[in-house]
């Protein structure tokens, strides 16, 4: 098999729309690629981020019917940054509603970071509608992982962490979350914006092995930063709305399905230990540890592995662990 190492060319959706999932939330969705191709659902990270045009470029547009949507409170979905009626269980129900509205029986479910969490939770709830999984930067939603995100990176990016907790005065997980929730939902827009920018800058500073400071500055100044920070903190404060080790306890529901796991060796947001635990629970899954890589899907070795896996699945409907090697 010839190995593709670069993204597919940019493409535009051939249709898009919105879907009201309750009296409060309306979700943006889109389809691109081949309407008769293999359906693939891309789940963005965060929680609270949004789907990006570059996400379409991971998949061969001649072979895949590419479905993207912005989750509750995220991106082009409204209201942006809304945390009321926003839980993992409701997001799972949203995915099912979208699948039925698009008349898709089964799809390849792809997601990174929080997207990997949601992909696993959705798959375990609706295994009959999943053809397989392509996962990156595994987050299982444990207390240990949440505590790591809020505290662990200070061992590697102490300057970014110091700025993150500068006005908090505490370093415990509960204190950091409590303080940020108070600031992010403050009536004072200035307080809210400043807290959101600190939160967003910290996450972005941890995302890449070689951070692009200019890109981080641009992202932090985005009007989306408040919504992203609010939804992210909301989900972390509720342990991602998962029971302890729920995703591994229920892995038997999807263990028979093909899966590829791509993990950055030096991921400061979702360390490799979670991917290793998932592989142990799912022996037939193809695990690829991307060398010289952090967390972001744009890291060259991670992007390469995702492209290889997507190419494998479109022809074989399976993943070859050997084929994911550099």
Protein backbone atom coordinates (compact mmCIF):
# COMPACT_ATOMS: atom_id res chain seq x y z
CA UNK A 1 0.00 0.00 0.00
CA UNK A 2 1.34 3.41 -0.93
CA UNK A 3 1.64 5.62 2.13
CA UNK A 4 0.10 9.09 2.01
CA UNK A 5 1.99 11.50 4.25
CA UNK A 6 0.23 14.78 3.50
CA UNK A 7 -3.30 16.00 4.06
CA UNK A 8 -5.81 15.76 1.25
CA UNK A 9 -6.52 19.09 -0.48
CA UNK A 10 -8.97 21.47 1.19
CA UNK A 11 -12.60 20.80 0.36
CA UNK A 12 -15.94 22.39 1.11
CA UNK A 13 -19.06 20.67 2.44
CA UNK A 14 -21.57 19.59 -0.19
CA UNK A 15 -24.30 20.20 2.37
CA UNK A 16 -24.64 21.54 5.89
CA UNK A 17 -27.34 22.52 8.30
CA UNK A 18 -28.49 22.76 11.88
CA UNK A 19 -30.47 20.43 14.09
CA UNK A 20 -32.37 21.45 17.22
CA UNK A 21 -31.72 18.86 19.92
CA UNK A 22 -33.77 20.52 22.65
CA UNK A 23 -35.41 23.86 23.42
CA UNK A 24 -32.01 25.41 24.17
CA UNK A 25 -29.38 23.82 21.94
CA UNK A 26 -29.07 23.82 18.14
CA UNK A 27 -26.13 22.00 16.55
CA UNK A 28 -24.22 22.76 13.35
CA UNK A 29 -23.41 19.80 11.10
CA UNK A 30 -21.88 19.30 7.67
CA UNK A 31 -21.03 16.61 5.11
CA UNK A 32 -18.18 16.58 2.61
CA UNK A 33 -16.46 14.10 0.34
CA UNK A 34 -18.36 11.33 -1.44
CA UNK A 35 -22.09 11.05 -0.59
CA UNK A 36 -21.85 7.33 -1.43
CA UNK A 37 -18.58 6.77 0.39
CA UNK A 38 -17.73 5.12 3.70
CA UNK A 39 -19.39 7.24 6.41
CA UNK A 40 -16.95 8.68 8.95
CA UNK A 41 -17.90 10.80 11.95
CA UNK A 42 -15.25 13.20 13.25
CA UNK A 43 -15.64 14.23 16.92
CA UNK A 44 -13.76 17.37 17.90
CA UNK A 45 -11.92 17.82 21.17
CA UNK A 46 -12.23 20.18 24.06
CA UNK A 47 -14.81 19.71 25.39
CA UNK A 48 -15.97 22.99 23.91
CA UNK A 49 -13.71 23.30 20.86
CA UNK A 50 -15.13 22.96 17.34
CA UNK A 51 -14.71 21.01 14.13
CA UNK A 52 -12.19 22.56 11.74
CA UNK A 53 -11.94 22.46 7.94
CA UNK A 54 -8.59 20.70 8.28
CA UNK A 55 -10.37 17.75 9.93
CA UNK A 56 -11.96 16.96 6.56
CA UNK A 57 -8.51 16.63 5.00
CA UNK A 58 -7.61 13.49 6.96
CA UNK A 59 -9.94 11.44 4.78
CA UNK A 60 -9.89 10.62 1.07
CA UNK A 61 -12.83 12.64 -0.29
CA UNK A 62 -13.36 10.11 -3.10
CA UNK A 63 -13.77 7.27 -0.61
CA UNK A 64 -15.32 8.81 2.50
CA UNK A 65 -18.59 10.52 3.35
CA UNK A 66 -17.19 12.88 5.98
CA UNK A 67 -19.52 14.08 8.74
CA UNK A 68 -18.48 16.85 11.13
CA UNK A 69 -20.54 18.64 13.75
CA UNK A 70 -20.02 21.09 16.60
CA UNK A 71 -21.08 19.71 19.96
CA UNK A 72 -23.37 21.50 22.40
CA UNK A 73 -22.01 24.90 23.36
CA UNK A 74 -19.20 24.67 20.80
CA UNK A 75 -18.24 26.61 17.68
CA UNK A 76 -21.13 27.24 15.31
CA UNK A 77 -23.65 25.49 17.56
CA UNK A 78 -25.83 27.74 19.67
CA UNK A 79 -25.82 29.06 22.27
CA UNK A 80 -22.02 29.12 22.25
CA UNK A 81 -20.43 28.33 25.62
CA UNK A 82 -23.72 27.12 27.12
CA UNK A 83 -23.27 24.53 29.88
CA UNK A 84 -26.92 24.03 30.83
CA UNK A 85 -28.18 20.70 29.46
CA UNK A 86 -24.66 19.83 28.37
CA UNK A 87 -23.46 16.38 29.45
CA UNK A 88 -21.76 13.38 27.88
CA UNK A 89 -25.00 11.45 27.88
CA UNK A 90 -26.79 14.22 26.00
CA UNK A 91 -23.96 14.43 23.46
CA UNK A 92 -24.28 10.68 22.85
CA UNK A 93 -28.00 11.17 22.21
CA UNK A 94 -27.16 14.05 19.84
CA UNK A 95 -24.86 11.83 17.80
CA UNK A 96 -27.59 9.23 17.45
CA UNK A 97 -30.08 11.88 16.41
CA UNK A 98 -27.65 13.13 13.77
CA UNK A 99 -26.93 9.61 12.50
CA UNK A 100 -30.63 8.87 12.05
CA UNK A 101 -31.31 12.20 10.36
CA UNK A 102 -28.52 11.49 7.85
CA UNK A 103 -29.82 7.92 7.33
CA UNK A 104 -26.46 6.34 8.15
CA UNK A 105 -26.46 2.77 9.43
CA UNK A 106 -22.81 2.49 10.51
CA UNK A 107 -19.89 4.87 10.52
CA UNK A 108 -16.21 4.94 11.36
CA UNK A 109 -15.96 7.02 14.54
CA UNK A 110 -12.90 9.25 14.76
CA UNK A 111 -11.89 11.55 17.59
CA UNK A 112 -8.91 12.93 19.46
CA UNK A 113 -8.43 13.95 23.09
CA UNK A 114 -11.95 14.62 24.42
CA UNK A 115 -13.11 13.38 21.02
CA UNK A 116 -11.61 9.98 21.85
CA UNK A 117 -13.53 9.96 25.15
CA UNK A 118 -16.80 10.76 23.43
CA UNK A 119 -16.10 8.24 20.66
CA UNK A 120 -15.61 5.44 23.19
CA UNK A 121 -18.64 6.46 25.25
CA UNK A 122 -20.82 6.66 22.13
CA UNK A 123 -19.52 3.36 20.80
CA UNK A 124 -20.19 1.55 24.04
CA UNK A 125 -23.73 2.93 24.07
CA UNK A 126 -24.41 2.16 20.39
CA UNK A 127 -21.98 -0.52 19.18
CA UNK A 128 -24.22 -1.73 16.33
CA UNK A 129 -23.84 1.62 14.58
CA UNK A 130 -20.03 1.71 14.73
CA UNK A 131 -17.89 0.22 11.97
CA UNK A 132 -14.64 0.94 13.79
CA UNK A 133 -12.68 3.60 15.66
CA UNK A 134 -9.77 5.89 14.84
CA UNK A 135 -8.64 7.50 18.09
CA UNK A 136 -5.90 9.97 19.00
CA UNK A 137 -4.54 11.28 22.32
CA UNK A 138 -6.55 9.00 24.57
CA UNK A 139 -8.48 10.50 27.47
CA UNK A 140 -10.35 7.96 29.61
CA UNK A 141 -11.84 10.56 31.94
CA UNK A 142 -10.26 9.39 35.18
CA UNK A 143 -9.61 11.67 38.16
CA UNK A 144 -5.89 11.04 37.67
CA UNK A 145 -6.01 12.40 34.11
CA UNK A 146 -8.01 15.46 35.13
CA UNK A 147 -5.60 16.19 37.97
CA UNK A 148 -2.70 15.77 35.56
CA UNK A 149 -4.07 18.34 33.11
CA UNK A 150 -4.49 20.91 35.86
CA UNK A 151 -1.22 20.23 37.69
CA UNK A 152 1.13 17.78 35.94
CA UNK A 153 2.42 19.93 33.08
CA UNK A 154 3.99 22.36 35.56
CA UNK A 155 6.90 19.90 35.67
CA UNK A 156 7.55 20.55 31.97
CA UNK A 157 6.08 23.99 31.22
CA UNK A 158 6.39 25.69 34.62
CA UNK A 159 6.08 29.18 33.16
CA UNK A 160 2.77 28.35 31.45
CA UNK A 161 1.42 26.70 34.59
CA UNK A 162 2.51 29.60 36.77
CA UNK A 163 0.55 31.96 34.55
CA UNK A 164 -2.42 29.57 34.61
CA UNK A 165 -2.69 29.61 38.43
CA UNK A 166 -1.27 33.11 38.96
CA UNK A 167 -4.50 34.65 40.24
CA UNK A 168 -5.91 31.46 41.77
CA UNK A 169 -3.77 31.05 44.86
CA UNK A 170 -4.29 27.28 45.05
CA UNK A 171 -2.82 24.24 43.40
CA UNK A 172 -5.28 21.45 44.21
CA UNK A 173 -7.55 20.22 41.43
CA UNK A 174 -10.75 21.14 43.22
CA UNK A 175 -9.48 24.62 44.11
CA UNK A 176 -8.32 25.37 40.57
CA UNK A 177 -11.60 24.25 39.05
CA UNK A 178 -13.69 26.06 41.66
CA UNK A 179 -11.79 29.29 41.15
CA UNK A 180 -11.95 29.11 37.37
CA UNK A 181 -15.65 28.28 37.31
CA UNK A 182 -16.29 31.34 39.48
CA UNK A 183 -14.27 33.54 37.12
CA UNK A 184 -15.52 32.04 33.86
CA UNK A 185 -19.15 32.50 34.83
CA UNK A 186 -18.71 35.88 36.51
CA UNK A 187 -21.14 38.68 35.66
CA UNK A 188 -18.17 40.91 34.90
CA UNK A 189 -17.24 40.31 31.22
CA UNK A 190 -13.67 41.44 31.79
CA UNK A 191 -13.07 38.91 34.58
CA UNK A 192 -14.61 36.20 32.44
CA UNK A 193 -12.56 37.04 29.36
CA UNK A 194 -9.28 37.25 31.26
CA UNK A 195 -9.86 33.89 32.95
CA UNK A 196 -10.81 32.28 29.65
CA UNK A 197 -7.71 33.58 27.97
CA UNK A 198 -5.46 32.21 30.75
CA UNK A 199 -7.20 28.83 30.52
CA UNK A 200 -6.98 28.73 26.74
CA UNK A 201 -3.33 29.85 26.64
CA UNK A 202 -2.37 27.16 29.16
CA UNK A 203 -4.07 24.39 27.15
CA UNK A 204 -2.54 25.59 23.89
CA UNK A 205 0.92 25.88 25.47
CA UNK A 206 0.73 22.21 26.43
CA UNK A 207 -0.63 20.94 23.11
CA UNK A 208 2.43 20.87 20.85
CA UNK A 209 5.97 19.64 21.23
CA UNK A 210 7.16 22.90 19.66
CA UNK A 211 4.45 25.49 20.38
CA UNK A 212 3.87 28.25 17.85
CA UNK A 213 3.59 31.33 20.08
CA UNK A 214 2.08 33.44 17.32
CA UNK A 215 -0.63 30.87 16.67
CA UNK A 216 -1.32 30.64 20.40
CA UNK A 217 -1.72 34.42 20.65
CA UNK A 218 -4.18 34.35 17.76
CA UNK A 219 -6.16 31.49 19.28
CA UNK A 220 -6.33 33.13 22.70
CA UNK A 221 -7.73 36.33 21.22
CA UNK A 222 -10.48 34.42 19.40
CA UNK A 223 -14.06 35.20 20.50
CA UNK A 224 -14.47 31.43 20.92
CA UNK A 225 -12.04 31.32 23.85
CA UNK A 226 -14.68 32.09 26.48
CA UNK A 227 -17.01 29.36 25.24
CA UNK A 228 -14.21 26.80 24.99
CA UNK A 229 -12.95 27.50 28.51
CA UNK A 230 -16.43 27.44 30.04
CA UNK A 231 -17.45 24.12 28.52
CA UNK A 232 -14.03 22.57 29.20
CA UNK A 233 -14.07 23.54 32.87
CA UNK A 234 -17.71 22.48 33.21
CA UNK A 235 -16.98 18.96 31.97
CA UNK A 236 -13.82 18.58 34.06
CA UNK A 237 -15.69 19.67 37.19
CA UNK A 238 -18.14 16.82 36.56
CA UNK A 239 -15.49 14.17 35.79
CA UNK A 240 -16.63 14.28 32.15
CA UNK A 241 -19.97 12.88 33.34
CA UNK A 242 -18.48 9.39 33.49
CA UNK A 243 -18.39 6.82 36.27
CA UNK A 244 -14.93 5.74 37.50
CA UNK A 245 -13.20 3.71 34.77
CA UNK A 246 -16.49 3.43 32.91
CA UNK A 247 -14.89 3.33 29.48
CA UNK A 248 -12.55 0.43 30.26
CA UNK A 249 -15.19 -1.50 32.21
CA UNK A 250 -17.50 -1.42 29.20
CA UNK A 251 -14.86 -2.00 26.52
CA UNK A 252 -16.23 -5.50 25.91
CA UNK A 253 -19.14 -3.92 24.06
CA UNK A 254 -16.84 -2.74 21.25
CA UNK A 255 -13.76 -4.95 21.62
CA UNK A 256 -14.81 -6.97 18.54
CA UNK A 257 -14.62 -3.87 16.33
CA UNK A 258 -11.46 -2.65 14.55
CA UNK A 259 -9.64 0.23 16.20
CA UNK A 260 -6.50 2.27 15.67
CA UNK A 261 -5.00 4.31 18.51
CA UNK A 262 -2.51 7.07 17.71
CA UNK A 263 -0.69 8.59 20.66
CA UNK A 264 2.01 11.22 20.97
CA UNK A 265 4.98 10.02 23.01
CA UNK A 266 5.38 13.41 24.76
CA UNK A 267 1.71 14.37 25.08
CA UNK A 268 1.43 16.76 28.05
CA UNK A 269 -2.38 16.91 27.98
CA UNK A 270 -3.18 13.20 27.59
CA UNK A 271 -0.06 11.23 28.61
CA UNK A 272 0.55 7.85 26.90
CA UNK A 273 -0.39 5.81 29.99
CA UNK A 274 -4.08 6.04 29.08
CA UNK A 275 -3.47 4.79 25.54
CA UNK A 276 -1.45 1.90 26.97
CA UNK A 277 -4.30 1.01 29.36
CA UNK A 278 -6.76 1.08 26.48
CA UNK A 279 -4.53 -1.19 24.40
CA UNK A 280 -4.26 -3.65 27.28
CA UNK A 281 -8.05 -3.79 27.51
CA UNK A 282 -8.39 -3.98 23.70
CA UNK A 283 -5.58 -6.29 22.53
CA UNK A 284 -6.61 -6.34 18.86
CA UNK A 285 -6.52 -2.54 18.59
CA UNK A 286 -3.57 -1.14 16.65
CA UNK A 287 -1.54 1.14 18.91
CA UNK A 288 0.92 3.57 17.34
CA UNK A 289 3.12 5.73 19.58
CA UNK A 290 4.17 8.71 17.48
CA UNK A 291 7.78 9.66 18.24
CA UNK A 292 8.78 13.31 18.63
CA UNK A 293 5.13 14.28 19.09
CA UNK A 294 3.01 16.05 21.63
CA UNK A 295 -0.77 16.19 21.80
CA UNK A 296 -2.00 18.05 18.70
CA UNK A 297 -3.29 16.27 15.61
CA UNK A 298 -1.11 18.64 13.57
CA UNK A 299 2.10 17.08 14.89
CA UNK A 300 3.74 15.57 11.74
CA UNK A 301 4.14 12.01 13.03
CA UNK A 302 0.60 11.95 14.45
CA UNK A 303 -0.90 13.32 11.25
CA UNK A 304 1.01 10.72 9.24
CA UNK A 305 -0.29 7.87 11.38
CA UNK A 306 -3.89 9.12 11.18
CA UNK A 307 -3.66 9.34 7.38
CA UNK A 308 -2.25 5.82 7.13
CA UNK A 309 -4.97 4.40 9.36
CA UNK A 310 -7.75 6.15 7.44
CA UNK A 311 -6.33 4.82 4.16
CA UNK A 312 -6.23 1.28 5.57
CA UNK A 313 -9.80 1.36 6.79
CA UNK A 314 -11.33 2.64 3.55
CA UNK A 315 -10.13 -0.47 1.68
CA UNK A 316 -9.92 -3.23 4.28
CA UNK A 317 -12.40 -2.01 6.94
CA UNK A 318 -9.66 -2.96 9.40
CA UNK A 319 -6.41 -1.62 10.79
CA UNK A 320 -3.00 -3.21 10.34
CA UNK A 321 -0.80 -2.49 13.33
CA UNK A 322 2.36 -3.04 11.25
CA UNK A 323 1.15 -0.52 8.67
CA UNK A 324 0.98 2.23 11.26
CA UNK A 325 4.66 2.06 12.00
CA UNK A 326 6.94 4.86 10.83
